[in-house]
Amino acid sequence: MEVCTEETGVLRRDDAGRPYLAFEEAGCTFCRACLEACSEGVLREEVERWPLARFWIDTSACLAHQGSVCVACVQACPEGAVKLQGMWRPEILTDRCTGCGLCVAPCPVEAVRWSG
């Protein structure tokens, strides 16, 4: 937990002390610090488990899908996995998304959703 706090702070503890990913405040940079610091072996890098989480745009909440110009999620994605379809409507390309969550926090209306 401490090494993640120094990097991005995306790894947090819930009220019961269990770790979870707080994408609403930060994203994962895949720095691997948490993997290296985990002495219990609970965190493992398993290629078949990627992406880290699955993301999508809630079009009913998204400003761009409602006619306003907003590209916050597009600009935040380091993989180019958020593309504009048609006239400024963002869509997450699942085949390119790593699940880092960096697109979540910049969204001014919390329209980027996730599971996983």
PDB file of N, CA and C in Angstrom:
ATOM      1  N   MET A   1       0.820  -1.193   0.000  1.00  0.00           N
ATOM      2  CA  MET A   1       0.000   0.000   0.000  1.00  0.00           C
ATOM      3  C   MET A   1       0.865   1.258   0.000  1.00  0.00           C
ATOM      4  N   GLU A   2       1.918   1.238   0.783  1.00  0.00           N
ATOM      5  CA  GLU A   2       2.765   2.425   0.898  1.00  0.00           C
ATOM      6  C   GLU A   2       3.468   2.758  -0.409  1.00  0.00           C
ATOM      7  N   VAL A   3       3.938   1.741  -1.128  1.00  0.00           N
ATOM      8  CA  VAL A   3       4.641   2.023  -2.382  1.00  0.00           C
ATOM      9  C   VAL A   3       3.691   2.570  -3.426  1.00  0.00           C
ATOM     10  N   CYS A   4       2.444   2.153  -3.423  1.00  0.00           N
ATOM     11  CA  CYS A   4       1.474   2.684  -4.363  1.00  0.00           C
ATOM     12  C   CYS A   4       1.134   4.138  -4.024  1.00  0.00           C
ATOM     13  N   THR A   5       1.048   4.440  -2.742  1.00  0.00           N
ATOM     14  CA  THR A   5       0.763   5.813  -2.319  1.00  0.00           C
ATOM     15  C   THR A   5       1.809   6.767  -2.873  1.00  0.00           C
ATOM     16  N   GLU A   6       3.046   6.333  -2.889  1.00  0.00           N
ATOM     17  CA  GLU A   6       4.120   7.171  -3.426  1.00  0.00           C
ATOM     18  C   GLU A   6       4.041   7.315  -4.940  1.00  0.00           C
ATOM     19  N   GLU A   7       3.551   6.296  -5.637  1.00  0.00           N
ATOM     20  CA  GLU A   7       3.473   6.330  -7.097  1.00  0.00           C
ATOM     21  C   GLU A   7       2.205   7.048  -7.567  1.00  0.00           C
ATOM     22  N   THR A   8       1.032   6.479  -7.331  1.00  0.00           N
ATOM     23  CA  THR A   8      -0.214   7.089  -7.804  1.00  0.00           C
ATOM     24  C   THR A   8      -1.298   7.161  -6.744  1.00  0.00           C
ATOM     25  N   GLY A   9      -1.284   6.243  -5.793  1.00  0.00           N
ATOM     26  CA  GLY A   9      -2.329   6.215  -4.780  1.00  0.00           C
ATOM     27  C   GLY A   9      -3.591   5.491  -5.220  1.00  0.00           C
ATOM     28  N   VAL A  10      -3.555   4.757  -6.316  1.00  0.00           N
ATOM     29  CA  VAL A  10      -4.744   4.061  -6.797  1.00  0.00           C
ATOM     30  C   VAL A  10      -5.108   2.870  -5.914  1.00  0.00           C
ATOM     31  N   LEU A  11      -4.138   2.294  -5.246  1.00  0.00           N
ATOM     32  CA  LEU A  11      -4.389   1.155  -4.367  1.00  0.00           C
ATOM     33  C   LEU A  11      -4.736   1.675  -2.971  1.00  0.00           C
ATOM     34  N   ARG A  12      -5.944   1.373  -2.518  1.00  0.00           N
ATOM     35  CA  ARG A  12      -6.446   1.858  -1.224  1.00  0.00           C
ATOM     36  C   ARG A  12      -6.969   0.697  -0.398  1.00  0.00           C
ATOM     37  N   ARG A  13      -7.319   0.973   0.865  1.00  0.00           N
ATOM     38  CA  ARG A  13      -7.955  -0.023   1.731  1.00  0.00           C
ATOM     39  C   ARG A  13      -9.390   0.410   2.003  1.00  0.00           C
ATOM     40  N   ASP A  14     -10.295  -0.563   2.005  1.00  0.00           N
ATOM     41  CA  ASP A  14     -11.678  -0.256   2.361  1.00  0.00           C
ATOM     42  C   ASP A  14     -11.815  -0.260   3.888  1.00  0.00           C
ATOM     43  N   ASP A  15     -13.016  -0.087   4.389  1.00  0.00           N
ATOM     44  CA  ASP A  15     -13.253  -0.012   5.832  1.00  0.00           C
ATOM     45  C   ASP A  15     -12.839  -1.282   6.567  1.00  0.00           C
ATOM     46  N   ALA A  16     -12.853  -2.408   5.857  1.00  0.00           N
ATOM     47  CA  ALA A  16     -12.459  -3.684   6.460  1.00  0.00           C
ATOM     48  C   ALA A  16     -10.961  -3.953   6.307  1.00  0.00           C
ATOM     49  N   GLY A  17     -10.241  -3.026   5.676  1.00  0.00           N
ATOM     50  CA  GLY A  17      -8.805  -3.185   5.505  1.00  0.00           C
ATOM     51  C   GLY A  17      -8.383  -3.921   4.247  1.00  0.00           C
ATOM     52  N   ARG A  18      -9.354  -4.287   3.386  1.00  0.00           N
ATOM     53  CA  ARG A  18      -9.044  -4.989   2.142  1.00  0.00           C
ATOM     54  C   ARG A  18      -8.607  -4.000   1.065  1.00  0.00           C
ATOM     55  N   PRO A  19      -7.600  -4.355   0.270  1.00  0.00           N
ATOM     56  CA  PRO A  19      -7.166  -3.455  -0.796  1.00  0.00           C
ATOM     57  C   PRO A  19      -8.163  -3.421  -1.956  1.00  0.00           C
ATOM     58  N   TYR A  20      -8.269  -2.264  -2.570  1.00  0.00           N
ATOM     59  CA  TYR A  20      -9.092  -2.110  -3.771  1.00  0.00           C
ATOM     60  C   TYR A  20      -8.469  -1.016  -4.632  1.00  0.00           C
ATOM     61  N   LEU A  21      -8.881  -0.939  -5.882  1.00  0.00           N
ATOM     62  CA  LEU A  21      -8.370   0.072  -6.806  1.00  0.00           C
ATOM     63  C   LEU A  21      -9.339   1.244  -6.831  1.00  0.00           C
ATOM     64  N   ALA A  22      -8.864   2.431  -6.457  1.00  0.00           N
ATOM     65  CA  ALA A  22      -9.681   3.645  -6.385  1.00  0.00           C
ATOM     66  C   ALA A  22      -9.483   4.456  -7.659  1.00  0.00           C
ATOM     67  N   PHE A  23     -10.055   3.979  -8.759  1.00  0.00           N
ATOM     68  CA  PHE A  23      -9.880   4.644 -10.043  1.00  0.00           C
ATOM     69  C   PHE A  23     -10.478   6.043 -10.075  1.00  0.00           C
ATOM     70  N   GLU A  24     -11.433   6.335  -9.192  1.00  0.00           N
ATOM     71  CA  GLU A  24     -12.050   7.659  -9.211  1.00  0.00           C
ATOM     72  C   GLU A  24     -11.075   8.763  -8.813  1.00  0.00           C
ATOM     73  N   GLU A  25      -9.937   8.393  -8.245  1.00  0.00           N
ATOM     74  CA  GLU A  25      -8.947   9.386  -7.837  1.00  0.00           C
ATOM     75  C   GLU A  25      -7.618   9.274  -8.568  1.00  0.00           C
ATOM     76  N   ALA A  26      -7.312   8.099  -9.089  1.00  0.00           N
ATOM     77  CA  ALA A  26      -6.019   7.887  -9.739  1.00  0.00           C
ATOM     78  C   ALA A  26      -6.105   6.689 -10.676  1.00  0.00           C
ATOM     79  N   GLY A  27      -5.035   6.454 -11.389  1.00  0.00           N
ATOM     80  CA  GLY A  27      -4.953   5.298 -12.275  1.00  0.00           C
ATOM     81  C   GLY A  27      -3.670   4.545 -11.997  1.00  0.00           C
ATOM     82  N   CYS A  28      -3.577   3.368 -12.569  1.00  0.00           N
ATOM     83  CA  CYS A  28      -2.396   2.534 -12.380  1.00  0.00           C
ATOM     84  C   CYS A  28      -1.399   2.799 -13.505  1.00  0.00           C
ATOM     85  N   THR A  29      -0.155   3.030 -13.144  1.00  0.00           N
ATOM     86  CA  THR A  29       0.888   3.260 -14.151  1.00  0.00           C
ATOM     87  C   THR A  29       1.653   1.984 -14.470  1.00  0.00           C
ATOM     88  N   PHE A  30       1.260   0.874 -13.852  1.00  0.00           N
ATOM     89  CA  PHE A  30       1.915  -0.418 -14.044  1.00  0.00           C
ATOM     90  C   PHE A  30       3.404  -0.342 -13.703  1.00  0.00           C
ATOM     91  N   CYS A  31       3.695   0.372 -12.632  1.00  0.00           N
ATOM     92  CA  CYS A  31       5.092   0.538 -12.202  1.00  0.00           C
ATOM     93  C   CYS A  31       5.648  -0.733 -11.564  1.00  0.00           C
ATOM     94  N   ARG A  32       4.780  -1.648 -11.162  1.00  0.00           N
ATOM     95  CA  ARG A  32       5.130  -2.933 -10.572  1.00  0.00           C
ATOM     96  C   ARG A  32       5.615  -2.833  -9.122  1.00  0.00           C
ATOM     97  N   ALA A  33       5.595  -1.647  -8.535  1.00  0.00           N
ATOM     98  CA  ALA A  33       6.071  -1.473  -7.164  1.00  0.00           C
ATOM     99  C   ALA A  33       5.264  -2.325  -6.188  1.00  0.00           C
ATOM    100  N   CYS A  34       3.961  -2.436  -6.392  1.00  0.00           N
ATOM    101  CA  CYS A  34       3.133  -3.241  -5.492  1.00  0.00           C
ATOM    102  C   CYS A  34       3.477  -4.726  -5.613  1.00  0.00           C
ATOM    103  N   LEU A  35       3.753  -5.188  -6.828  1.00  0.00           N
ATOM    104  CA  LEU A  35       4.132  -6.589  -7.028  1.00  0.00           C
ATOM    105  C   LEU A  35       5.435  -6.910  -6.314  1.00  0.00           C
ATOM    106  N   GLU A  36       6.381  -6.010  -6.440  1.00  0.00           N
ATOM    107  CA  GLU A  36       7.690  -6.224  -5.821  1.00  0.00           C
ATOM    108  C   GLU A  36       7.638  -6.114  -4.300  1.00  0.00           C
ATOM    109  N   ALA A  37       6.728  -5.305  -3.781  1.00  0.00           N
ATOM    110  CA  ALA A  37       6.645  -5.093  -2.336  1.00  0.00           C
ATOM    111  C   ALA A  37       5.797  -6.138  -1.622  1.00  0.00           C
ATOM    112  N   CYS A  38       5.004  -6.907  -2.347  1.00  0.00           N
ATOM    113  CA  CYS A  38       4.091  -7.871  -1.725  1.00  0.00           C
ATOM    114  C   CYS A  38       4.853  -9.113  -1.281  1.00  0.00           C
ATOM    115  N   SER A  39       5.095  -9.214   0.008  1.00  0.00           N
ATOM    116  CA  SER A  39       5.844 -10.352   0.543  1.00  0.00           C
ATOM    117  C   SER A  39       4.980 -11.603   0.680  1.00  0.00           C
ATOM    118  N   GLU A  40       3.680 -11.448   0.652  1.00  0.00           N
ATOM    119  CA  GLU A  40       2.770 -12.580   0.816  1.00  0.00           C
ATOM    120  C   GLU A  40       2.519 -13.326  -0.489  1.00  0.00           C
ATOM    121  N   GLY A  41       2.903 -12.740  -1.609  1.00  0.00           N
ATOM    122  CA  GLY A  41       2.679 -13.388  -2.895  1.00  0.00           C
ATOM    123  C   GLY A  41       1.239 -13.317  -3.379  1.00  0.00           C
ATOM    124  N   VAL A  42       0.452 -12.441  -2.764  1.00  0.00           N
ATOM    125  CA  VAL A  42      -0.951 -12.302  -3.154  1.00  0.00           C
ATOM    126  C   VAL A  42      -1.068 -11.614  -4.508  1.00  0.00           C
ATOM    127  N   LEU A  43      -0.234 -10.616  -4.732  1.00  0.00           N
ATOM    128  CA  LEU A  43      -0.248  -9.912  -6.011  1.00  0.00           C
ATOM    129  C   LEU A  43       0.712 -10.591  -6.968  1.00  0.00           C
ATOM    130  N   ARG A  44       0.171 -10.996  -8.105  1.00  0.00           N
ATOM    131  CA  ARG A  44       0.982 -11.656  -9.123  1.00  0.00           C
ATOM    132  C   ARG A  44       0.646 -11.061 -10.472  1.00  0.00           C
ATOM    133  N   GLU A  45       1.626 -11.032 -11.336  1.00  0.00           N
ATOM    134  CA  GLU A  45       1.395 -10.570 -12.691  1.00  0.00           C
ATOM    135  C   GLU A  45       1.026 -11.776 -13.541  1.00  0.00           C
ATOM    136  N   GLU A  46      -0.249 -11.844 -13.867  1.00  0.00           N
ATOM    137  CA  GLU A  46      -0.754 -12.947 -14.675  1.00  0.00           C
ATOM    138  C   GLU A  46      -1.280 -12.383 -15.979  1.00  0.00           C
ATOM    139  N   VAL A  47      -0.599 -12.668 -17.045  1.00  0.00           N
ATOM    140  CA  VAL A  47      -0.951 -12.119 -18.344  1.00  0.00           C
ATOM    141  C   VAL A  47      -2.393 -12.417 -18.722  1.00  0.00           C
ATOM    142  N   GLU A  48      -2.888 -13.606 -18.409  1.00  0.00           N
ATOM    143  CA  GLU A  48      -4.252 -13.958 -18.800  1.00  0.00           C
ATOM    144  C   GLU A  48      -5.313 -13.179 -18.027  1.00  0.00           C
ATOM    145  N   ARG A  49      -4.922 -12.443 -16.990  1.00  0.00           N
ATOM    146  CA  ARG A  49      -5.880 -11.674 -16.204  1.00  0.00           C
ATOM    147  C   ARG A  49      -5.977 -10.222 -16.648  1.00  0.00           C
ATOM    148  N   TRP A  50      -5.236  -9.823 -17.669  1.00  0.00           N
ATOM    149  CA  TRP A  50      -5.307  -8.452 -18.150  1.00  0.00           C
ATOM    150  C   TRP A  50      -6.502  -8.321 -19.075  1.00  0.00           C
ATOM    151  N   PRO A  51      -7.150  -7.212 -19.149  1.00  0.00           N
ATOM    152  CA  PRO A  51      -6.788  -5.966 -18.491  1.00  0.00           C
ATOM    153  C   PRO A  51      -7.105  -5.982 -16.998  1.00  0.00           C
ATOM    154  N   LEU A  52      -6.560  -4.999 -16.320  1.00  0.00           N
ATOM    155  CA  LEU A  52      -6.714  -4.870 -14.881  1.00  0.00           C
ATOM    156  C   LEU A  52      -8.191  -4.767 -14.493  1.00  0.00           C
ATOM    157  N   ALA A  53      -8.956  -4.041 -15.293  1.00  0.00           N
ATOM    158  CA  ALA A  53     -10.401  -3.889 -15.114  1.00  0.00           C
ATOM    159  C   ALA A  53     -10.995  -3.618 -16.492  1.00  0.00           C
ATOM    160  N   ARG A  54     -12.300  -3.684 -16.600  1.00  0.00           N
ATOM    161  CA  ARG A  54     -12.982  -3.394 -17.867  1.00  0.00           C
ATOM    162  C   ARG A  54     -13.675  -2.044 -17.725  1.00  0.00           C
ATOM    163  N   PHE A  55     -13.526  -1.218 -18.745  1.00  0.00           N
ATOM    164  CA  PHE A  55     -14.049   0.151 -18.715  1.00  0.00           C
ATOM    165  C   PHE A  55     -15.002   0.397 -19.870  1.00  0.00           C
ATOM    166  N   TRP A  56     -15.957   1.306 -19.647  1.00  0.00           N
ATOM    167  CA  TRP A  56     -16.863   1.724 -20.702  1.00  0.00           C
ATOM    168  C   TRP A  56     -17.350   3.131 -20.392  1.00  0.00           C
ATOM    169  N   ILE A  57     -17.931   3.774 -21.402  1.00  0.00           N
ATOM    170  CA  ILE A  57     -18.494   5.121 -21.254  1.00  0.00           C
ATOM    171  C   ILE A  57     -20.001   4.988 -21.048  1.00  0.00           C
ATOM    172  N   ASP A  58     -20.505   5.593 -19.988  1.00  0.00           N
ATOM    173  CA  ASP A  58     -21.949   5.663 -19.767  1.00  0.00           C
ATOM    174  C   ASP A  58     -22.448   6.815 -20.635  1.00  0.00           C
ATOM    175  N   THR A  59     -22.997   6.482 -21.791  1.00  0.00           N
ATOM    176  CA  THR A  59     -23.381   7.507 -22.764  1.00  0.00           C
ATOM    177  C   THR A  59     -24.490   8.416 -22.249  1.00  0.00           C
ATOM    178  N   SER A  60     -25.285   7.951 -21.293  1.00  0.00           N
ATOM    179  CA  SER A  60     -26.348   8.801 -20.751  1.00  0.00           C
ATOM    180  C   SER A  60     -25.793   9.887 -19.834  1.00  0.00           C
ATOM    181  N   ALA A  61     -24.572   9.698 -19.329  1.00  0.00           N
ATOM    182  CA  ALA A  61     -23.949  10.683 -18.443  1.00  0.00           C
ATOM    183  C   ALA A  61     -22.865  11.497 -19.140  1.00  0.00           C
ATOM    184  N   CYS A  62     -22.284  10.965 -20.194  1.00  0.00           N
ATOM    185  CA  CYS A  62     -21.144  11.588 -20.875  1.00  0.00           C
ATOM    186  C   CYS A  62     -21.520  12.925 -21.515  1.00  0.00           C
ATOM    187  N   LEU A  63     -20.758  13.964 -21.205  1.00  0.00           N
ATOM    188  CA  LEU A  63     -21.014  15.289 -21.769  1.00  0.00           C
ATOM    189  C   LEU A  63     -20.943  15.276 -23.290  1.00  0.00           C
ATOM    190  N   ALA A  64     -19.937  14.601 -23.835  1.00  0.00           N
ATOM    191  CA  ALA A  64     -19.763  14.565 -25.290  1.00  0.00           C
ATOM    192  C   ALA A  64     -20.946  13.874 -25.969  1.00  0.00           C
ATOM    193  N   HIS A  65     -21.449  12.826 -25.360  1.00  0.00           N
ATOM    194  CA  HIS A  65     -22.605  12.125 -25.938  1.00  0.00           C
ATOM    195  C   HIS A  65     -23.891  12.935 -25.774  1.00  0.00           C
ATOM    196  N   GLN A  66     -23.840  13.970 -24.940  1.00  0.00           N
ATOM    197  CA  GLN A  66     -25.003  14.845 -24.758  1.00  0.00           C
ATOM    198  C   GLN A  66     -24.881  16.137 -25.567  1.00  0.00           C
ATOM    199  N   GLY A  67     -23.818  16.242 -26.371  1.00  0.00           N
ATOM    200  CA  GLY A  67     -23.683  17.386 -27.269  1.00  0.00           C
ATOM    201  C   GLY A  67     -22.655  18.427 -26.864  1.00  0.00           C
ATOM    202  N   SER A  68     -22.022  18.286 -25.716  1.00  0.00           N
ATOM    203  CA  SER A  68     -20.980  19.227 -25.294  1.00  0.00           C
ATOM    204  C   SER A  68     -19.622  18.714 -25.772  1.00  0.00           C
ATOM    205  N   VAL A  69     -18.696  19.630 -25.973  1.00  0.00           N
ATOM    206  CA  VAL A  69     -17.351  19.220 -26.369  1.00  0.00           C
ATOM    207  C   VAL A  69     -16.565  18.869 -25.111  1.00  0.00           C
ATOM    208  N   CYS A  70     -16.164  17.614 -25.002  1.00  0.00           N
ATOM    209  CA  CYS A  70     -15.354  17.147 -23.881  1.00  0.00           C
ATOM    210  C   CYS A  70     -14.495  16.000 -24.381  1.00  0.00           C
ATOM    211  N   VAL A  71     -13.201  16.101 -24.158  1.00  0.00           N
ATOM    212  CA  VAL A  71     -12.269  15.043 -24.573  1.00  0.00           C
ATOM    213  C   VAL A  71     -11.349  14.647 -23.419  1.00  0.00           C
ATOM    214  N   ALA A  72     -11.790  14.842 -22.199  1.00  0.00           N
ATOM    215  CA  ALA A  72     -10.957  14.572 -21.023  1.00  0.00           C
ATOM    216  C   ALA A  72     -10.478  13.125 -20.992  1.00  0.00           C
ATOM    217  N   CYS A  73     -11.352  12.178 -21.244  1.00  0.00           N
ATOM    218  CA  CYS A  73     -10.964  10.759 -21.202  1.00  0.00           C
ATOM    219  C   CYS A  73     -10.035  10.405 -22.354  1.00  0.00           C
ATOM    220  N   VAL A  74     -10.249  11.008 -23.496  1.00  0.00           N
ATOM    221  CA  VAL A  74      -9.397  10.752 -24.665  1.00  0.00           C
ATOM    222  C   VAL A  74      -7.975  11.224 -24.382  1.00  0.00           C
ATOM    223  N   GLN A  75      -7.847  12.413 -23.841  1.00  0.00           N
ATOM    224  CA  GLN A  75      -6.536  12.984 -23.548  1.00  0.00           C
ATOM    225  C   GLN A  75      -5.813  12.227 -22.439  1.00  0.00           C
ATOM    226  N   ALA A  76      -6.552  11.621 -21.521  1.00  0.00           N
ATOM    227  CA  ALA A  76      -5.942  10.943 -20.377  1.00  0.00           C
ATOM    228  C   ALA A  76      -5.414   9.551 -20.707  1.00  0.00           C
ATOM    229  N   CYS A  77      -5.871   8.950 -21.787  1.00  0.00           N
ATOM    230  CA  CYS A  77      -5.516   7.561 -22.088  1.00  0.00           C
ATOM    231  C   CYS A  77      -4.134   7.454 -22.727  1.00  0.00           C
ATOM    232  N   PRO A  78      -3.180   6.817 -22.032  1.00  0.00           N
ATOM    233  CA  PRO A  78      -1.832   6.696 -22.574  1.00  0.00           C
ATOM    234  C   PRO A  78      -1.717   5.665 -23.700  1.00  0.00           C
ATOM    235  N   GLU A  79      -2.729   4.824 -23.863  1.00  0.00           N
ATOM    236  CA  GLU A  79      -2.689   3.767 -24.877  1.00  0.00           C
ATOM    237  C   GLU A  79      -3.467   4.114 -26.137  1.00  0.00           C
ATOM    238  N   GLY A  80      -4.130   5.263 -26.147  1.00  0.00           N
ATOM    239  CA  GLY A  80      -4.959   5.611 -27.298  1.00  0.00           C
ATOM    240  C   GLY A  80      -6.170   4.706 -27.429  1.00  0.00           C
ATOM    241  N   ALA A  81      -6.644   4.169 -26.302  1.00  0.00           N
ATOM    242  CA  ALA A  81      -7.775   3.240 -26.317  1.00  0.00           C
ATOM    243  C   ALA A  81      -9.125   3.941 -26.255  1.00  0.00           C
ATOM    244  N   VAL A  82      -9.124   5.247 -26.040  1.00  0.00           N
ATOM    245  CA  VAL A  82     -10.372   6.007 -26.057  1.00  0.00           C
ATOM    246  C   VAL A  82     -10.355   6.819 -27.347  1.00  0.00           C
ATOM    247  N   LYS A  83     -11.252   6.474 -28.240  1.00  0.00           N
ATOM    248  CA  LYS A  83     -11.312   7.115 -29.553  1.00  0.00           C
ATOM    249  C   LYS A  83     -12.632   7.848 -29.704  1.00  0.00           C
ATOM    250  N   LEU A  84     -12.591   8.886 -30.521  1.00  0.00           N
ATOM    251  CA  LEU A  84     -13.805   9.637 -30.803  1.00  0.00           C
ATOM    252  C   LEU A  84     -14.502   9.016 -32.000  1.00  0.00           C
ATOM    253  N   GLN A  85     -15.757   8.701 -31.817  1.00  0.00           N
ATOM    254  CA  GLN A  85     -16.584   8.149 -32.886  1.00  0.00           C
ATOM    255  C   GLN A  85     -17.525   9.245 -33.363  1.00  0.00           C
ATOM    256  N   GLY A  86     -17.659   9.377 -34.645  1.00  0.00           N
ATOM    257  CA  GLY A  86     -18.565  10.396 -35.174  1.00  0.00           C
ATOM    258  C   GLY A  86     -18.154  11.783 -34.730  1.00  0.00           C
ATOM    259  N   MET A  87     -19.099  12.546 -34.279  1.00  0.00           N
ATOM    260  CA  MET A  87     -18.851  13.923 -33.859  1.00  0.00           C
ATOM    261  C   MET A  87     -18.540  14.010 -32.371  1.00  0.00           C
ATOM    262  N   TRP A  88     -17.305  13.733 -32.011  1.00  0.00           N
ATOM    263  CA  TRP A  88     -16.807  13.944 -30.653  1.00  0.00           C
ATOM    264  C   TRP A  88     -17.388  13.007 -29.602  1.00  0.00           C
ATOM    265  N   ARG A  89     -17.833  11.820 -29.959  1.00  0.00           N
ATOM    266  CA  ARG A  89     -18.375  10.877 -28.978  1.00  0.00           C
ATOM    267  C   ARG A  89     -17.314   9.836 -28.626  1.00  0.00           C
ATOM    268  N   PRO A  90     -16.820   9.846 -27.388  1.00  0.00           N
ATOM    269  CA  PRO A  90     -15.773   8.901 -27.007  1.00  0.00           C
ATOM    270  C   PRO A  90     -16.295   7.470 -26.847  1.00  0.00           C
ATOM    271  N   GLU A  91     -15.437   6.543 -27.192  1.00  0.00           N
ATOM    272  CA  GLU A  91     -15.720   5.124 -27.033  1.00  0.00           C
ATOM    273  C   GLU A  91     -14.424   4.444 -26.610  1.00  0.00           C
ATOM    274  N   ILE A  92     -14.504   3.524 -25.660  1.00  0.00           N
ATOM    275  CA  ILE A  92     -13.318   2.803 -25.203  1.00  0.00           C
ATOM    276  C   ILE A  92     -13.168   1.538 -26.044  1.00  0.00           C
ATOM    277  N   LEU A  93     -12.025   1.417 -26.683  1.00  0.00           N
ATOM    278  CA  LEU A  93     -11.726   0.253 -27.510  1.00  0.00           C
ATOM    279  C   LEU A  93     -11.176  -0.842 -26.605  1.00  0.00           C
ATOM    280  N   THR A  94     -11.976  -1.837 -26.318  1.00  0.00           N
ATOM    281  CA  THR A  94     -11.608  -2.857 -25.348  1.00  0.00           C
ATOM    282  C   THR A  94     -10.372  -3.651 -25.752  1.00  0.00           C
ATOM    283  N   ASP A  95     -10.113  -3.761 -27.044  1.00  0.00           N
ATOM    284  CA  ASP A  95      -8.937  -4.511 -27.474  1.00  0.00           C
ATOM    285  C   ASP A  95      -7.641  -3.753 -27.239  1.00  0.00           C
ATOM    286  N   ARG A  96      -7.720  -2.449 -26.995  1.00  0.00           N
ATOM    287  CA  ARG A  96      -6.524  -1.638 -26.725  1.00  0.00           C
ATOM    288  C   ARG A  96      -6.406  -1.208 -25.270  1.00  0.00           C
ATOM    289  N   CYS A  97      -7.492  -1.326 -24.504  1.00  0.00           N
ATOM    290  CA  CYS A  97      -7.530  -0.851 -23.119  1.00  0.00           C
ATOM    291  C   CYS A  97      -6.756  -1.798 -22.202  1.00  0.00           C
ATOM    292  N   THR A  98      -5.838  -1.239 -21.418  1.00  0.00           N
ATOM    293  CA  THR A  98      -5.064  -2.024 -20.460  1.00  0.00           C
ATOM    294  C   THR A  98      -5.748  -2.099 -19.097  1.00  0.00           C
ATOM    295  N   GLY A  99      -6.767  -1.279 -18.900  1.00  0.00           N
ATOM    296  CA  GLY A  99      -7.452  -1.266 -17.618  1.00  0.00           C
ATOM    297  C   GLY A  99      -6.754  -0.426 -16.572  1.00  0.00           C
ATOM    298  N   CYS A 100      -5.948   0.525 -16.998  1.00  0.00           N
ATOM    299  CA  CYS A 100      -5.184   1.344 -16.049  1.00  0.00           C
ATOM    300  C   CYS A 100      -6.062   2.298 -15.249  1.00  0.00           C
ATOM    301  N   GLY A 101      -7.198   2.701 -15.803  1.00  0.00           N
ATOM    302  CA  GLY A 101      -8.106   3.593 -15.097  1.00  0.00           C
ATOM    303  C   GLY A 101      -7.749   5.064 -15.153  1.00  0.00           C
ATOM    304  N   LEU A 102      -6.733   5.429 -15.907  1.00  0.00           N
ATOM    305  CA  LEU A 102      -6.327   6.834 -15.973  1.00  0.00           C
ATOM    306  C   LEU A 102      -7.379   7.727 -16.627  1.00  0.00           C
ATOM    307  N   CYS A 103      -8.352   7.145 -17.295  1.00  0.00           N
ATOM    308  CA  CYS A 103      -9.418   7.910 -17.937  1.00  0.00           C
ATOM    309  C   CYS A 103     -10.549   8.272 -16.970  1.00  0.00           C
ATOM    310  N   VAL A 104     -10.593   7.659 -15.807  1.00  0.00           N
ATOM    311  CA  VAL A 104     -11.720   7.836 -14.885  1.00  0.00           C
ATOM    312  C   VAL A 104     -11.704   9.195 -14.183  1.00  0.00           C
ATOM    313  N   ALA A 105     -10.640   9.501 -13.480  1.00  0.00           N
ATOM    314  CA  ALA A 105     -10.585  10.720 -12.659  1.00  0.00           C
ATOM    315  C   ALA A 105     -10.775  12.017 -13.456  1.00  0.00           C
ATOM    316  N   PRO A 106     -10.244  12.135 -14.675  1.00  0.00           N
ATOM    317  CA  PRO A 106     -10.424  13.390 -15.413  1.00  0.00           C
ATOM    318  C   PRO A 106     -11.858  13.663 -15.869  1.00  0.00           C
ATOM    319  N   CYS A 107     -12.708  12.652 -15.901  1.00  0.00           N
ATOM    320  CA  CYS A 107     -14.084  12.842 -16.386  1.00  0.00           C
ATOM    321  C   CYS A 107     -14.849  13.731 -15.417  1.00  0.00           C
ATOM    322  N   PRO A 108     -15.339  14.880 -15.882  1.00  0.00           N
ATOM    323  CA  PRO A 108     -16.016  15.818 -14.981  1.00  0.00           C
ATOM    324  C   PRO A 108     -17.387  15.351 -14.505  1.00  0.00           C
ATOM    325  N   VAL A 109     -17.947  14.324 -15.137  1.00  0.00           N
ATOM    326  CA  VAL A 109     -19.297  13.872 -14.753  1.00  0.00           C
ATOM    327  C   VAL A 109     -19.347  12.395 -14.383  1.00  0.00           C
ATOM    328  N   GLU A 110     -18.192  11.791 -14.133  1.00  0.00           N
ATOM    329  CA  GLU A 110     -18.100  10.387 -13.715  1.00  0.00           C
ATOM    330  C   GLU A 110     -18.802   9.444 -14.702  1.00  0.00           C
ATOM    331  N   ALA A 111     -18.610   9.694 -15.996  1.00  0.00           N
ATOM    332  CA  ALA A 111     -19.260   8.873 -17.024  1.00  0.00           C
ATOM    333  C   ALA A 111     -18.428   7.650 -17.406  1.00  0.00           C
ATOM    334  N   VAL A 112     -17.157   7.601 -16.989  1.00  0.00           N
ATOM    335  CA  VAL A 112     -16.350   6.429 -17.277  1.00  0.00           C
ATOM    336  C   VAL A 112     -16.579   5.427 -16.158  1.00  0.00           C
ATOM    337  N   ARG A 113     -17.107   4.279 -16.517  1.00  0.00           N
ATOM    338  CA  ARG A 113     -17.466   3.250 -15.541  1.00  0.00           C
ATOM    339  C   ARG A 113     -16.552   2.053 -15.682  1.00  0.00           C
ATOM    340  N   TRP A 114     -16.493   1.215 -14.634  1.00  0.00           N
ATOM    341  CA  TRP A 114     -15.626   0.051 -14.686  1.00  0.00           C
ATOM    342  C   TRP A 114     -16.155  -1.074 -13.829  1.00  0.00           C
ATOM    343  N   SER A 115     -15.624  -2.252 -14.111  1.00  0.00           N
ATOM    344  CA  SER A 115     -15.864  -3.426 -13.276  1.00  0.00           C
ATOM    345  C   SER A 115     -14.596  -4.256 -13.295  1.00  0.00           C
ATOM    346  N   GLY A 116     -14.394  -4.989 -12.236  1.00  0.00           N
ATOM    347  CA  GLY A 116     -13.224  -5.862 -12.199  1.00  0.00           C
ATOM    348  C   GLY A 116     -12.323  -5.615 -11.043  1.00  0.00           C
TER     349      GLY A 116
END
